[in-house]
Amino acid sequence: MMLTVETILLYLVALFLTVATLWPFSPKKTGPQFVWVLIVVVIPFVMVIYFGLAFLISDVISEGAARLTAKKDEPSFTEGLVAAVSYVGLSGWLWLRWRKSDSAVREDTRPSDPAQRLH
């Protein structure tokens, strides 16, 4: 499969829609269990929807078909690489947002007196 401007834009739109969908779920003041559920369950589910549509539309563009159809063979290396890199990036993004919000919560609950921090 030859990457064209249209397919690259489709993958970027799928990534943008995935981030826009996950933004309200970004963990704030939650435990690590919620973050793991997001990484293991929610991100792949949302990616299957948006990237699946992007891959189907990309197949239609590359084949010049008149309607939305899937190829019979498995996804190409490029499609797998796009999905894997996007998954790792989105997981890291959510984890960093959680760590940032978690450290802000811990700093808010710290005592203001330095002597009390030692105990």
PDB file of N, CA and C in Angstrom:
ATOM      1  N   MET A   1       0.837  -1.167   0.000  1.00  0.00           N
ATOM      2  CA  MET A   1       0.000   0.000   0.000  1.00  0.00           C
ATOM      3  C   MET A   1       0.886   1.236   0.000  1.00  0.00           C
ATOM      4  N   MET A   2       0.623   2.110  -0.900  1.00  0.00           N
ATOM      5  CA  MET A   2       1.369   3.356  -1.006  1.00  0.00           C
ATOM      6  C   MET A   2       0.677   4.421  -0.174  1.00  0.00           C
ATOM      7  N   LEU A   3       1.427   5.044   0.744  1.00  0.00           N
ATOM      8  CA  LEU A   3       0.837   6.112   1.542  1.00  0.00           C
ATOM      9  C   LEU A   3       0.676   7.353   0.687  1.00  0.00           C
ATOM     10  N   THR A   4      -0.514   7.878   0.696  1.00  0.00           N
ATOM     11  CA  THR A   4      -0.781   9.109  -0.025  1.00  0.00           C
ATOM     12  C   THR A   4      -1.210  10.164   0.982  1.00  0.00           C
ATOM     13  N   VAL A   5      -1.382  11.364   0.495  1.00  0.00           N
ATOM     14  CA  VAL A   5      -1.812  12.450   1.371  1.00  0.00           C
ATOM     15  C   VAL A   5      -3.168  12.135   1.985  1.00  0.00           C
ATOM     16  N   GLU A   6      -4.055  11.531   1.215  1.00  0.00           N
ATOM     17  CA  GLU A   6      -5.388  11.222   1.720  1.00  0.00           C
ATOM     18  C   GLU A   6      -5.343  10.222   2.869  1.00  0.00           C
ATOM     19  N   THR A   7      -4.536   9.175   2.729  1.00  0.00           N
ATOM     20  CA  THR A   7      -4.478   8.168   3.789  1.00  0.00           C
ATOM     21  C   THR A   7      -3.806   8.725   5.039  1.00  0.00           C
ATOM     22  N   ILE A   8      -2.776   9.531   4.867  1.00  0.00           N
ATOM     23  CA  ILE A   8      -2.118  10.138   6.024  1.00  0.00           C
ATOM     24  C   ILE A   8      -3.088  11.064   6.748  1.00  0.00           C
ATOM     25  N   LEU A   9      -3.862  11.843   5.999  1.00  0.00           N
ATOM     26  CA  LEU A   9      -4.862  12.708   6.619  1.00  0.00           C
ATOM     27  C   LEU A   9      -5.941  11.895   7.326  1.00  0.00           C
ATOM     28  N   LEU A  10      -6.333  10.768   6.758  1.00  0.00           N
ATOM     29  CA  LEU A  10      -7.312   9.896   7.416  1.00  0.00           C
ATOM     30  C   LEU A  10      -6.787   9.388   8.752  1.00  0.00           C
ATOM     31  N   TYR A  11      -5.530   8.974   8.792  1.00  0.00           N
ATOM     32  CA  TYR A  11      -4.943   8.491  10.034  1.00  0.00           C
ATOM     33  C   TYR A  11      -4.833   9.616  11.061  1.00  0.00           C
ATOM     34  N   LEU A  12      -4.496  10.821  10.620  1.00  0.00           N
ATOM     35  CA  LEU A  12      -4.432  11.958  11.538  1.00  0.00           C
ATOM     36  C   LEU A  12      -5.816  12.332  12.072  1.00  0.00           C
ATOM     37  N   VAL A  13      -6.821  12.260  11.218  1.00  0.00           N
ATOM     38  CA  VAL A  13      -8.193  12.529  11.668  1.00  0.00           C
ATOM     39  C   VAL A  13      -8.623  11.469  12.677  1.00  0.00           C
ATOM     40  N   ALA A  14      -8.283  10.211  12.422  1.00  0.00           N
ATOM     41  CA  ALA A  14      -8.618   9.144  13.374  1.00  0.00           C
ATOM     42  C   ALA A  14      -7.923   9.375  14.707  1.00  0.00           C
ATOM     43  N   LEU A  15      -6.669   9.804  14.680  1.00  0.00           N
ATOM     44  CA  LEU A  15      -5.948  10.092  15.916  1.00  0.00           C
ATOM     45  C   LEU A  15      -6.582  11.278  16.647  1.00  0.00           C
ATOM     46  N   PHE A  16      -6.932  12.327  15.915  1.00  0.00           N
ATOM     47  CA  PHE A  16      -7.574  13.492  16.519  1.00  0.00           C
ATOM     48  C   PHE A  16      -8.913  13.114  17.156  1.00  0.00           C
ATOM     49  N   LEU A  17      -9.715  12.336  16.453  1.00  0.00           N
ATOM     50  CA  LEU A  17     -11.006  11.919  17.003  1.00  0.00           C
ATOM     51  C   LEU A  17     -10.839  11.025  18.231  1.00  0.00           C
ATOM     52  N   THR A  18      -9.807  10.190  18.227  1.00  0.00           N
ATOM     53  CA  THR A  18      -9.541   9.344  19.384  1.00  0.00           C
ATOM     54  C   THR A  18      -9.176  10.191  20.596  1.00  0.00           C
ATOM     55  N   VAL A  19      -8.288  11.167  20.405  1.00  0.00           N
ATOM     56  CA  VAL A  19      -7.896  12.052  21.513  1.00  0.00           C
ATOM     57  C   VAL A  19      -9.103  12.858  21.990  1.00  0.00           C
ATOM     58  N   ALA A  20      -9.908  13.364  21.058  1.00  0.00           N
ATOM     59  CA  ALA A  20     -11.084  14.144  21.434  1.00  0.00           C
ATOM     60  C   ALA A  20     -12.095  13.296  22.203  1.00  0.00           C
ATOM     61  N   THR A  21     -12.195  12.024  21.880  1.00  0.00           N
ATOM     62  CA  THR A  21     -13.110  11.141  22.599  1.00  0.00           C
ATOM     63  C   THR A  21     -12.566  10.790  23.978  1.00  0.00           C
ATOM     64  N   LEU A  22     -11.254  10.609  24.096  1.00  0.00           N
ATOM     65  CA  LEU A  22     -10.654  10.222  25.373  1.00  0.00           C
ATOM     66  C   LEU A  22     -10.454  11.394  26.322  1.00  0.00           C
ATOM     67  N   TRP A  23     -10.481  12.613  25.816  1.00  0.00           N
ATOM     68  CA  TRP A  23     -10.208  13.784  26.654  1.00  0.00           C
ATOM     69  C   TRP A  23     -11.122  13.864  27.881  1.00  0.00           C
ATOM     70  N   PRO A  24     -12.442  13.671  27.743  1.00  0.00           N
ATOM     71  CA  PRO A  24     -13.295  13.728  28.946  1.00  0.00           C
ATOM     72  C   PRO A  24     -13.008  12.603  29.940  1.00  0.00           C
ATOM     73  N   PHE A  25     -12.429  11.500  29.476  1.00  0.00           N
ATOM     74  CA  PHE A  25     -12.113  10.375  30.356  1.00  0.00           C
ATOM     75  C   PHE A  25     -10.748  10.509  31.005  1.00  0.00           C
ATOM     76  N   SER A  26     -10.018  11.582  30.691  1.00  0.00           N
ATOM     77  CA  SER A  26      -8.668  11.697  31.227  1.00  0.00           C
ATOM     78  C   SER A  26      -8.720  11.699  32.747  1.00  0.00           C
ATOM     79  N   PRO A  27      -7.883  10.863  33.351  1.00  0.00           N
ATOM     80  CA  PRO A  27      -7.982  10.622  34.793  1.00  0.00           C
ATOM     81  C   PRO A  27      -7.529  11.823  35.614  1.00  0.00           C
ATOM     82  N   LYS A  28      -8.416  12.296  36.475  1.00  0.00           N
ATOM     83  CA  LYS A  28      -8.073  13.352  37.414  1.00  0.00           C
ATOM     84  C   LYS A  28      -8.534  12.899  38.793  1.00  0.00           C
ATOM     85  N   LYS A  29      -7.601  12.852  39.714  1.00  0.00           N
ATOM     86  CA  LYS A  29      -7.884  12.456  41.094  1.00  0.00           C
ATOM     87  C   LYS A  29      -8.508  11.071  41.155  1.00  0.00           C
ATOM     88  N   THR A  30      -8.001  10.170  40.364  1.00  0.00           N
ATOM     89  CA  THR A  30      -8.502   8.795  40.386  1.00  0.00           C
ATOM     90  C   THR A  30      -7.351   7.867  40.730  1.00  0.00           C
ATOM     91  N   GLY A  31      -7.685   6.633  40.998  1.00  0.00           N
ATOM     92  CA  GLY A  31      -6.681   5.644  41.343  1.00  0.00           C
ATOM     93  C   GLY A  31      -6.060   5.018  40.109  1.00  0.00           C
ATOM     94  N   PRO A  32      -5.024   4.234  40.318  1.00  0.00           N
ATOM     95  CA  PRO A  32      -4.356   3.575  39.188  1.00  0.00           C
ATOM     96  C   PRO A  32      -5.224   2.541  38.492  1.00  0.00           C
ATOM     97  N   GLN A  33      -6.216   1.989  39.196  1.00  0.00           N
ATOM     98  CA  GLN A  33      -7.102   0.996  38.571  1.00  0.00           C
ATOM     99  C   GLN A  33      -7.870   1.624  37.421  1.00  0.00           C
ATOM    100  N   PHE A  34      -8.345   2.851  37.597  1.00  0.00           N
ATOM    101  CA  PHE A  34      -9.089   3.532  36.545  1.00  0.00           C
ATOM    102  C   PHE A  34      -8.204   3.793  35.329  1.00  0.00           C
ATOM    103  N   VAL A  35      -6.948   4.155  35.590  1.00  0.00           N
ATOM    104  CA  VAL A  35      -6.012   4.412  34.487  1.00  0.00           C
ATOM    105  C   VAL A  35      -5.753   3.129  33.713  1.00  0.00           C
ATOM    106  N   TRP A  36      -5.601   2.006  34.419  1.00  0.00           N
ATOM    107  CA  TRP A  36      -5.362   0.736  33.736  1.00  0.00           C
ATOM    108  C   TRP A  36      -6.578   0.299  32.920  1.00  0.00           C
ATOM    109  N   VAL A  37      -7.768   0.554  33.433  1.00  0.00           N
ATOM    110  CA  VAL A  37      -8.975   0.229  32.663  1.00  0.00           C
ATOM    111  C   VAL A  37      -9.019   1.071  31.389  1.00  0.00           C
ATOM    112  N   LEU A  38      -8.652   2.350  31.506  1.00  0.00           N
ATOM    113  CA  LEU A  38      -8.606   3.190  30.310  1.00  0.00           C
ATOM    114  C   LEU A  38      -7.608   2.650  29.290  1.00  0.00           C
ATOM    115  N   ILE A  39      -6.421   2.281  29.772  1.00  0.00           N
ATOM    116  CA  ILE A  39      -5.361   1.839  28.860  1.00  0.00           C
ATOM    117  C   ILE A  39      -5.688   0.484  28.238  1.00  0.00           C
ATOM    118  N   VAL A  40      -6.249  -0.430  29.017  1.00  0.00           N
ATOM    119  CA  VAL A  40      -6.459  -1.797  28.527  1.00  0.00           C
ATOM    120  C   VAL A  40      -7.793  -1.973  27.801  1.00  0.00           C
ATOM    121  N   VAL A  41      -8.831  -1.219  28.201  1.00  0.00           N
ATOM    122  CA  VAL A  41     -10.162  -1.441  27.636  1.00  0.00           C
ATOM    123  C   VAL A  41     -10.620  -0.287  26.750  1.00  0.00           C
ATOM    124  N   VAL A  42     -10.598   0.925  27.277  1.00  0.00           N
ATOM    125  CA  VAL A  42     -11.227   2.052  26.586  1.00  0.00           C
ATOM    126  C   VAL A  42     -10.438   2.483  25.357  1.00  0.00           C
ATOM    127  N   ILE A  43      -9.122   2.654  25.490  1.00  0.00           N
ATOM    128  CA  ILE A  43      -8.317   3.093  24.338  1.00  0.00           C
ATOM    129  C   ILE A  43      -8.445   2.122  23.164  1.00  0.00           C
ATOM    130  N   PRO A  44      -8.248   0.803  23.364  1.00  0.00           N
ATOM    131  CA  PRO A  44      -8.406  -0.090  22.203  1.00  0.00           C
ATOM    132  C   PRO A  44      -9.802  -0.053  21.594  1.00  0.00           C
ATOM    133  N   PHE A  45     -10.845   0.060  22.419  1.00  0.00           N
ATOM    134  CA  PHE A  45     -12.209   0.117  21.893  1.00  0.00           C
ATOM    135  C   PHE A  45     -12.406   1.344  21.010  1.00  0.00           C
ATOM    136  N   VAL A  46     -11.971   2.500  21.491  1.00  0.00           N
ATOM    137  CA  VAL A  46     -12.123   3.732  20.712  1.00  0.00           C
ATOM    138  C   VAL A  46     -11.259   3.671  19.451  1.00  0.00           C
ATOM    139  N   MET A  47     -10.060   3.102  19.569  1.00  0.00           N
ATOM    140  CA  MET A  47      -9.184   2.995  18.394  1.00  0.00           C
ATOM    141  C   MET A  47      -9.762   2.062  17.341  1.00  0.00           C
ATOM    142  N   VAL A  48     -10.391   0.986  17.763  1.00  0.00           N
ATOM    143  CA  VAL A  48     -10.993   0.063  16.794  1.00  0.00           C
ATOM    144  C   VAL A  48     -12.049   0.790  15.973  1.00  0.00           C
ATOM    145  N   ILE A  49     -12.822   1.626  16.626  1.00  0.00           N
ATOM    146  CA  ILE A  49     -13.873   2.346  15.905  1.00  0.00           C
ATOM    147  C   ILE A  49     -13.271   3.333  14.906  1.00  0.00           C
ATOM    148  N   TYR A  50     -12.443   4.266  15.387  1.00  0.00           N
ATOM    149  CA  TYR A  50     -11.956   5.335  14.519  1.00  0.00           C
ATOM    150  C   TYR A  50     -10.896   4.856  13.527  1.00  0.00           C
ATOM    151  N   PHE A  51      -9.926   4.084  13.995  1.00  0.00           N
ATOM    152  CA  PHE A  51      -8.897   3.618  13.073  1.00  0.00           C
ATOM    153  C   PHE A  51      -9.447   2.550  12.141  1.00  0.00           C
ATOM    154  N   GLY A  52     -10.403   1.753  12.588  1.00  0.00           N
ATOM    155  CA  GLY A  52     -11.041   0.787  11.700  1.00  0.00           C
ATOM    156  C   GLY A  52     -11.729   1.472  10.535  1.00  0.00           C
ATOM    157  N   LEU A  53     -12.469   2.535  10.845  1.00  0.00           N
ATOM    158  CA  LEU A  53     -13.093   3.304   9.759  1.00  0.00           C
ATOM    159  C   LEU A  53     -12.051   3.936   8.852  1.00  0.00           C
ATOM    160  N   ALA A  54     -10.964   4.447   9.441  1.00  0.00           N
ATOM    161  CA  ALA A  54      -9.908   5.054   8.625  1.00  0.00           C
ATOM    162  C   ALA A  54      -9.267   4.013   7.701  1.00  0.00           C
ATOM    163  N   PHE A  55      -9.035   2.806   8.220  1.00  0.00           N
ATOM    164  CA  PHE A  55      -8.447   1.759   7.382  1.00  0.00           C
ATOM    165  C   PHE A  55      -9.403   1.340   6.269  1.00  0.00           C
ATOM    166  N   LEU A  56     -10.701   1.238   6.588  1.00  0.00           N
ATOM    167  CA  LEU A  56     -11.679   0.889   5.554  1.00  0.00           C
ATOM    168  C   LEU A  56     -11.758   1.960   4.471  1.00  0.00           C
ATOM    169  N   ILE A  57     -11.800   3.213   4.882  1.00  0.00           N
ATOM    170  CA  ILE A  57     -11.856   4.303   3.906  1.00  0.00           C
ATOM    171  C   ILE A  57     -10.569   4.358   3.095  1.00  0.00           C
ATOM    172  N   SER A  58      -9.437   4.078   3.735  1.00  0.00           N
ATOM    173  CA  SER A  58      -8.163   4.040   3.019  1.00  0.00           C
ATOM    174  C   SER A  58      -8.156   2.940   1.950  1.00  0.00           C
ATOM    175  N   ASP A  59      -8.744   1.782   2.291  1.00  0.00           N
ATOM    176  CA  ASP A  59      -8.845   0.698   1.311  1.00  0.00           C
ATOM    177  C   ASP A  59      -9.711   1.105   0.125  1.00  0.00           C
ATOM    178  N   VAL A  60     -10.799   1.803   0.397  1.00  0.00           N
ATOM    179  CA  VAL A  60     -11.682   2.267  -0.680  1.00  0.00           C
ATOM    180  C   VAL A  60     -10.933   3.245  -1.584  1.00  0.00           C
ATOM    181  N   ILE A  61     -10.169   4.142  -0.984  1.00  0.00           N
ATOM    182  CA  ILE A  61      -9.417   5.117  -1.780  1.00  0.00           C
ATOM    183  C   ILE A  61      -8.354   4.422  -2.626  1.00  0.00           C
ATOM    184  N   SER A  62      -7.619   3.476  -2.030  1.00  0.00           N
ATOM    185  CA  SER A  62      -6.535   2.821  -2.775  1.00  0.00           C
ATOM    186  C   SER A  62      -7.070   1.916  -3.897  1.00  0.00           C
ATOM    187  N   GLU A  63      -8.237   1.310  -3.681  1.00  0.00           N
ATOM    188  CA  GLU A  63      -8.799   0.431  -4.707  1.00  0.00           C
ATOM    189  C   GLU A  63      -9.706   1.167  -5.682  1.00  0.00           C
ATOM    190  N   GLY A  64     -10.131   2.359  -5.331  1.00  0.00           N
ATOM    191  CA  GLY A  64     -11.044   3.104  -6.184  1.00  0.00           C
ATOM    192  C   GLY A  64     -12.427   2.493  -6.219  1.00  0.00           C
ATOM    193  N   ALA A  65     -12.830   1.859  -5.123  1.00  0.00           N
ATOM    194  CA  ALA A  65     -14.137   1.206  -5.064  1.00  0.00           C
ATOM    195  C   ALA A  65     -15.243   2.244  -4.918  1.00  0.00           C
ATOM    196  N   ALA A  66     -16.439   1.837  -5.290  1.00  0.00           N
ATOM    197  CA  ALA A  66     -17.581   2.744  -5.217  1.00  0.00           C
ATOM    198  C   ALA A  66     -18.257   2.713  -3.856  1.00  0.00           C
ATOM    199  N   ARG A  67     -17.982   1.671  -3.063  1.00  0.00           N
ATOM    200  CA  ARG A  67     -18.605   1.584  -1.745  1.00  0.00           C
ATOM    201  C   ARG A  67     -17.583   1.089  -0.729  1.00  0.00           C
ATOM    202  N   LEU A  68     -17.938   1.161   0.530  1.00  0.00           N
ATOM    203  CA  LEU A  68     -17.051   0.803   1.628  1.00  0.00           C
ATOM    204  C   LEU A  68     -16.936  -0.710   1.734  1.00  0.00           C
ATOM    205  N   THR A  69     -15.759  -1.235   1.434  1.00  0.00           N
ATOM    206  CA  THR A  69     -15.505  -2.666   1.539  1.00  0.00           C
ATOM    207  C   THR A  69     -14.148  -2.873   2.185  1.00  0.00           C
ATOM    208  N   ALA A  70     -13.991  -4.013   2.819  1.00  0.00           N
ATOM    209  CA  ALA A  70     -12.719  -4.351   3.454  1.00  0.00           C
ATOM    210  C   ALA A  70     -11.951  -5.313   2.554  1.00  0.00           C
ATOM    211  N   LYS A  71     -10.637  -5.218   2.625  1.00  0.00           N
ATOM    212  CA  LYS A  71      -9.806  -6.175   1.896  1.00  0.00           C
ATOM    213  C   LYS A  71      -9.898  -7.531   2.568  1.00  0.00           C
ATOM    214  N   LYS A  72      -9.688  -8.575   1.789  1.00  0.00           N
ATOM    215  CA  LYS A  72      -9.756  -9.925   2.332  1.00  0.00           C
ATOM    216  C   LYS A  72      -8.521 -10.272   3.166  1.00  0.00           C
ATOM    217  N   ASP A  73      -7.375  -9.677   2.820  1.00  0.00           N
ATOM    218  CA  ASP A  73      -6.148  -9.992   3.545  1.00  0.00           C
ATOM    219  C   ASP A  73      -6.034  -9.144   4.815  1.00  0.00           C
ATOM    220  N   GLU A  74      -5.043  -9.477   5.630  1.00  0.00           N
ATOM    221  CA  GLU A  74      -4.870  -8.773   6.896  1.00  0.00           C
ATOM    222  C   GLU A  74      -4.291  -7.376   6.673  1.00  0.00           C
ATOM    223  N   PRO A  75      -4.347  -6.520   7.701  1.00  0.00           N
ATOM    224  CA  PRO A  75      -3.842  -5.148   7.541  1.00  0.00           C
ATOM    225  C   PRO A  75      -2.361  -5.136   7.169  1.00  0.00           C
ATOM    226  N   SER A  76      -1.977  -4.109   6.453  1.00  0.00           N
ATOM    227  CA  SER A  76      -0.594  -4.001   6.029  1.00  0.00           C
ATOM    228  C   SER A  76       0.301  -3.636   7.209  1.00  0.00           C
ATOM    229  N   PHE A  77       1.594  -3.724   6.989  1.00  0.00           N
ATOM    230  CA  PHE A  77       2.564  -3.371   8.026  1.00  0.00           C
ATOM    231  C   PHE A  77       2.408  -1.918   8.437  1.00  0.00           C
ATOM    232  N   THR A  78       2.162  -1.046   7.476  1.00  0.00           N
ATOM    233  CA  THR A  78       1.995   0.377   7.770  1.00  0.00           C
ATOM    234  C   THR A  78       0.785   0.621   8.653  1.00  0.00           C
ATOM    235  N   GLU A  79      -0.331  -0.030   8.364  1.00  0.00           N
ATOM    236  CA  GLU A  79      -1.529   0.135   9.182  1.00  0.00           C
ATOM    237  C   GLU A  79      -1.296  -0.378  10.597  1.00  0.00           C
ATOM    238  N   GLY A  80      -0.625  -1.505  10.737  1.00  0.00           N
ATOM    239  CA  GLY A  80      -0.301  -2.037  12.059  1.00  0.00           C
ATOM    240  C   GLY A  80       0.640  -1.122  12.826  1.00  0.00           C
ATOM    241  N   LEU A  81       1.603  -0.557  12.126  1.00  0.00           N
ATOM    242  CA  LEU A  81       2.544   0.359  12.759  1.00  0.00           C
ATOM    243  C   LEU A  81       1.836   1.634  13.223  1.00  0.00           C
ATOM    244  N   VAL A  82       0.949   2.157  12.393  1.00  0.00           N
ATOM    245  CA  VAL A  82       0.176   3.354  12.768  1.00  0.00           C
ATOM    246  C   VAL A  82      -0.645   3.061  14.021  1.00  0.00           C
ATOM    247  N   ALA A  83      -1.302   1.929  14.070  1.00  0.00           N
ATOM    248  CA  ALA A  83      -2.126   1.578  15.229  1.00  0.00           C
ATOM    249  C   ALA A  83      -1.268   1.373  16.480  1.00  0.00           C
ATOM    250  N   ALA A  84      -0.144   0.689  16.346  1.00  0.00           N
ATOM    251  CA  ALA A  84       0.715   0.421  17.503  1.00  0.00           C
ATOM    252  C   ALA A  84       1.315   1.702  18.064  1.00  0.00           C
ATOM    253  N   VAL A  85       1.835   2.552  17.199  1.00  0.00           N
ATOM    254  CA  VAL A  85       2.429   3.806  17.658  1.00  0.00           C
ATOM    255  C   VAL A  85       1.365   4.701  18.285  1.00  0.00           C
ATOM    256  N   SER A  86       0.184   4.725  17.710  1.00  0.00           N
ATOM    257  CA  SER A  86      -0.903   5.524  18.274  1.00  0.00           C
ATOM    258  C   SER A  86      -1.320   4.996  19.640  1.00  0.00           C
ATOM    259  N   TYR A  87      -1.403   3.679  19.787  1.00  0.00           N
ATOM    260  CA  TYR A  87      -1.784   3.090  21.072  1.00  0.00           C
ATOM    261  C   TYR A  87      -0.759   3.411  22.155  1.00  0.00           C
ATOM    262  N   VAL A  88       0.513   3.258  21.842  1.00  0.00           N
ATOM    263  CA  VAL A  88       1.564   3.550  22.813  1.00  0.00           C
ATOM    264  C   VAL A  88       1.560   5.041  23.169  1.00  0.00           C
ATOM    265  N   GLY A  89       1.403   5.887  22.173  1.00  0.00           N
ATOM    266  CA  GLY A  89       1.368   7.327  22.425  1.00  0.00           C
ATOM    267  C   GLY A  89       0.178   7.739  23.269  1.00  0.00           C
ATOM    268  N   LEU A  90      -1.005   7.208  22.962  1.00  0.00           N
ATOM    269  CA  LEU A  90      -2.205   7.539  23.739  1.00  0.00           C
ATOM    270  C   LEU A  90      -2.109   7.008  25.165  1.00  0.00           C
ATOM    271  N   SER A  91      -1.563   5.817  25.332  1.00  0.00           N
ATOM    272  CA  SER A  91      -1.400   5.261  26.678  1.00  0.00           C
ATOM    273  C   SER A  91      -0.432   6.112  27.491  1.00  0.00           C
ATOM    274  N   GLY A  92       0.668   6.499  26.885  1.00  0.00           N
ATOM    275  CA  GLY A  92       1.622   7.368  27.576  1.00  0.00           C
ATOM    276  C   GLY A  92       1.031   8.716  27.916  1.00  0.00           C
ATOM    277  N   TRP A  93       0.248   9.267  27.001  1.00  0.00           N
ATOM    278  CA  TRP A  93      -0.394  10.558  27.236  1.00  0.00           C
ATOM    279  C   TRP A  93      -1.343  10.482  28.433  1.00  0.00           C
ATOM    280  N   LEU A  94      -2.184   9.446  28.478  1.00  0.00           N
ATOM    281  CA  LEU A  94      -3.112   9.313  29.603  1.00  0.00           C
ATOM    282  C   LEU A  94      -2.370   9.061  30.912  1.00  0.00           C
ATOM    283  N   TRP A  95      -1.333   8.230  30.863  1.00  0.00           N
ATOM    284  CA  TRP A  95      -0.578   7.951  32.075  1.00  0.00           C
ATOM    285  C   TRP A  95       0.107   9.210  32.586  1.00  0.00           C
ATOM    286  N   LEU A  96       0.696  10.011  31.699  1.00  0.00           N
ATOM    287  CA  LEU A  96       1.344  11.254  32.126  1.00  0.00           C
ATOM    288  C   LEU A  96       0.341  12.251  32.684  1.00  0.00           C
ATOM    289  N   ARG A  97      -0.852  12.333  32.079  1.00  0.00           N
ATOM    290  CA  ARG A  97      -1.887  13.224  32.629  1.00  0.00           C
ATOM    291  C   ARG A  97      -2.304  12.769  34.021  1.00  0.00           C
ATOM    292  N   TRP A  98      -2.397  11.453  34.226  1.00  0.00           N
ATOM    293  CA  TRP A  98      -2.748  10.944  35.542  1.00  0.00           C
ATOM    294  C   TRP A  98      -1.646  11.231  36.551  1.00  0.00           C
ATOM    295  N   ARG A  99      -0.386  11.016  36.176  1.00  0.00           N
ATOM    296  CA  ARG A  99       0.726  11.280  37.092  1.00  0.00           C
ATOM    297  C   ARG A  99       0.792  12.757  37.459  1.00  0.00           C
ATOM    298  N   LYS A 100       0.549  13.615  36.471  1.00  0.00           N
ATOM    299  CA  LYS A 100       0.584  15.048  36.733  1.00  0.00           C
ATOM    300  C   LYS A 100      -0.533  15.439  37.700  1.00  0.00           C
ATOM    301  N   SER A 101      -1.741  14.930  37.477  1.00  0.00           N
ATOM    302  CA  SER A 101      -2.852  15.267  38.375  1.00  0.00           C
ATOM    303  C   SER A 101      -2.653  14.618  39.739  1.00  0.00           C
ATOM    304  N   ASP A 102      -2.065  13.423  39.792  1.00  0.00           N
ATOM    305  CA  ASP A 102      -1.824  12.738  41.055  1.00  0.00           C
ATOM    306  C   ASP A 102      -0.782  13.489  41.882  1.00  0.00           C
ATOM    307  N   SER A 103       0.267  13.994  41.247  1.00  0.00           N
ATOM    308  CA  SER A 103       1.283  14.746  41.997  1.00  0.00           C
ATOM    309  C   SER A 103       0.722  16.077  42.478  1.00  0.00           C
ATOM    310  N   ALA A 104      -0.187  16.680  41.719  1.00  0.00           N
ATOM    311  CA  ALA A 104      -0.809  17.927  42.160  1.00  0.00           C
ATOM    312  C   ALA A 104      -1.691  17.676  43.374  1.00  0.00           C
ATOM    313  N   VAL A 105      -2.374  16.544  43.405  1.00  0.00           N
ATOM    314  CA  VAL A 105      -3.216  16.202  44.555  1.00  0.00           C
ATOM    315  C   VAL A 105      -2.346  15.959  45.780  1.00  0.00           C
ATOM    316  N   ARG A 106      -1.215  15.252  45.604  1.00  0.00           N
ATOM    317  CA  ARG A 106      -0.332  14.985  46.728  1.00  0.00           C
ATOM    318  C   ARG A 106       0.264  16.276  47.286  1.00  0.00           C
ATOM    319  N   GLU A 107       0.618  17.229  46.423  1.00  0.00           N
ATOM    320  CA  GLU A 107       1.161  18.495  46.896  1.00  0.00           C
ATOM    321  C   GLU A 107       0.108  19.310  47.626  1.00  0.00           C
ATOM    322  N   ASP A 108      -1.150  19.202  47.240  1.00  0.00           N
ATOM    323  CA  ASP A 108      -2.220  19.925  47.921  1.00  0.00           C
ATOM    324  C   ASP A 108      -2.448  19.392  49.328  1.00  0.00           C
ATOM    325  N   THR A 109      -2.216  18.110  49.539  1.00  0.00           N
ATOM    326  CA  THR A 109      -2.466  17.515  50.848  1.00  0.00           C
ATOM    327  C   THR A 109      -1.251  17.559  51.762  1.00  0.00           C
ATOM    328  N   ARG A 110      -0.110  18.029  51.276  1.00  0.00           N
ATOM    329  CA  ARG A 110       1.084  18.129  52.110  1.00  0.00           C
ATOM    330  C   ARG A 110       0.922  19.239  53.147  1.00  0.00           C
ATOM    331  N   PRO A 111       1.474  19.031  54.316  1.00  0.00           N
ATOM    332  CA  PRO A 111       1.457  20.113  55.298  1.00  0.00           C
ATOM    333  C   PRO A 111       2.346  21.260  54.845  1.00  0.00           C
ATOM    334  N   SER A 112       1.941  22.468  55.169  1.00  0.00           N
ATOM    335  CA  SER A 112       2.706  23.631  54.731  1.00  0.00           C
ATOM    336  C   SER A 112       3.948  23.853  55.586  1.00  0.00           C
ATOM    337  N   ASP A 113       3.964  23.348  56.797  1.00  0.00           N
ATOM    338  CA  ASP A 113       5.115  23.513  57.675  1.00  0.00           C
ATOM    339  C   ASP A 113       6.170  22.451  57.344  1.00  0.00           C
ATOM    340  N   PRO A 114       7.404  22.853  57.014  1.00  0.00           N
ATOM    341  CA  PRO A 114       8.443  21.867  56.681  1.00  0.00           C
ATOM    342  C   PRO A 114       8.739  20.912  57.817  1.00  0.00           C
ATOM    343  N   ALA A 115       8.575  21.331  59.055  1.00  0.00           N
ATOM    344  CA  ALA A 115       8.854  20.448  60.186  1.00  0.00           C
ATOM    345  C   ALA A 115       7.867  19.292  60.243  1.00  0.00           C
ATOM    346  N   GLN A 116       6.638  19.517  59.803  1.00  0.00           N
ATOM    347  CA  GLN A 116       5.628  18.463  59.800  1.00  0.00           C
ATOM    348  C   GLN A 116       5.848  17.459  58.680  1.00  0.00           C
ATOM    349  N   ARG A 117       6.565  17.852  57.668  1.00  0.00           N
ATOM    350  CA  ARG A 117       6.834  16.921  56.561  1.00  0.00           C
ATOM    351  C   ARG A 117       7.771  15.806  56.972  1.00  0.00           C
ATOM    352  N   LEU A 118       8.610  16.026  57.954  1.00  0.00           N
ATOM    353  CA  LEU A 118       9.569  15.028  58.380  1.00  0.00           C
ATOM    354  C   LEU A 118       8.915  13.912  59.188  1.00  0.00           C
ATOM    355  N   HIS A 119       7.736  14.138  59.735  1.00  0.00           N
ATOM    356  CA  HIS A 119       7.072  13.147  60.582  1.00  0.00           C
ATOM    357  C   HIS A 119       6.092  12.337  59.829  1.00  0.00           C
TER     358      HIS A 119
END
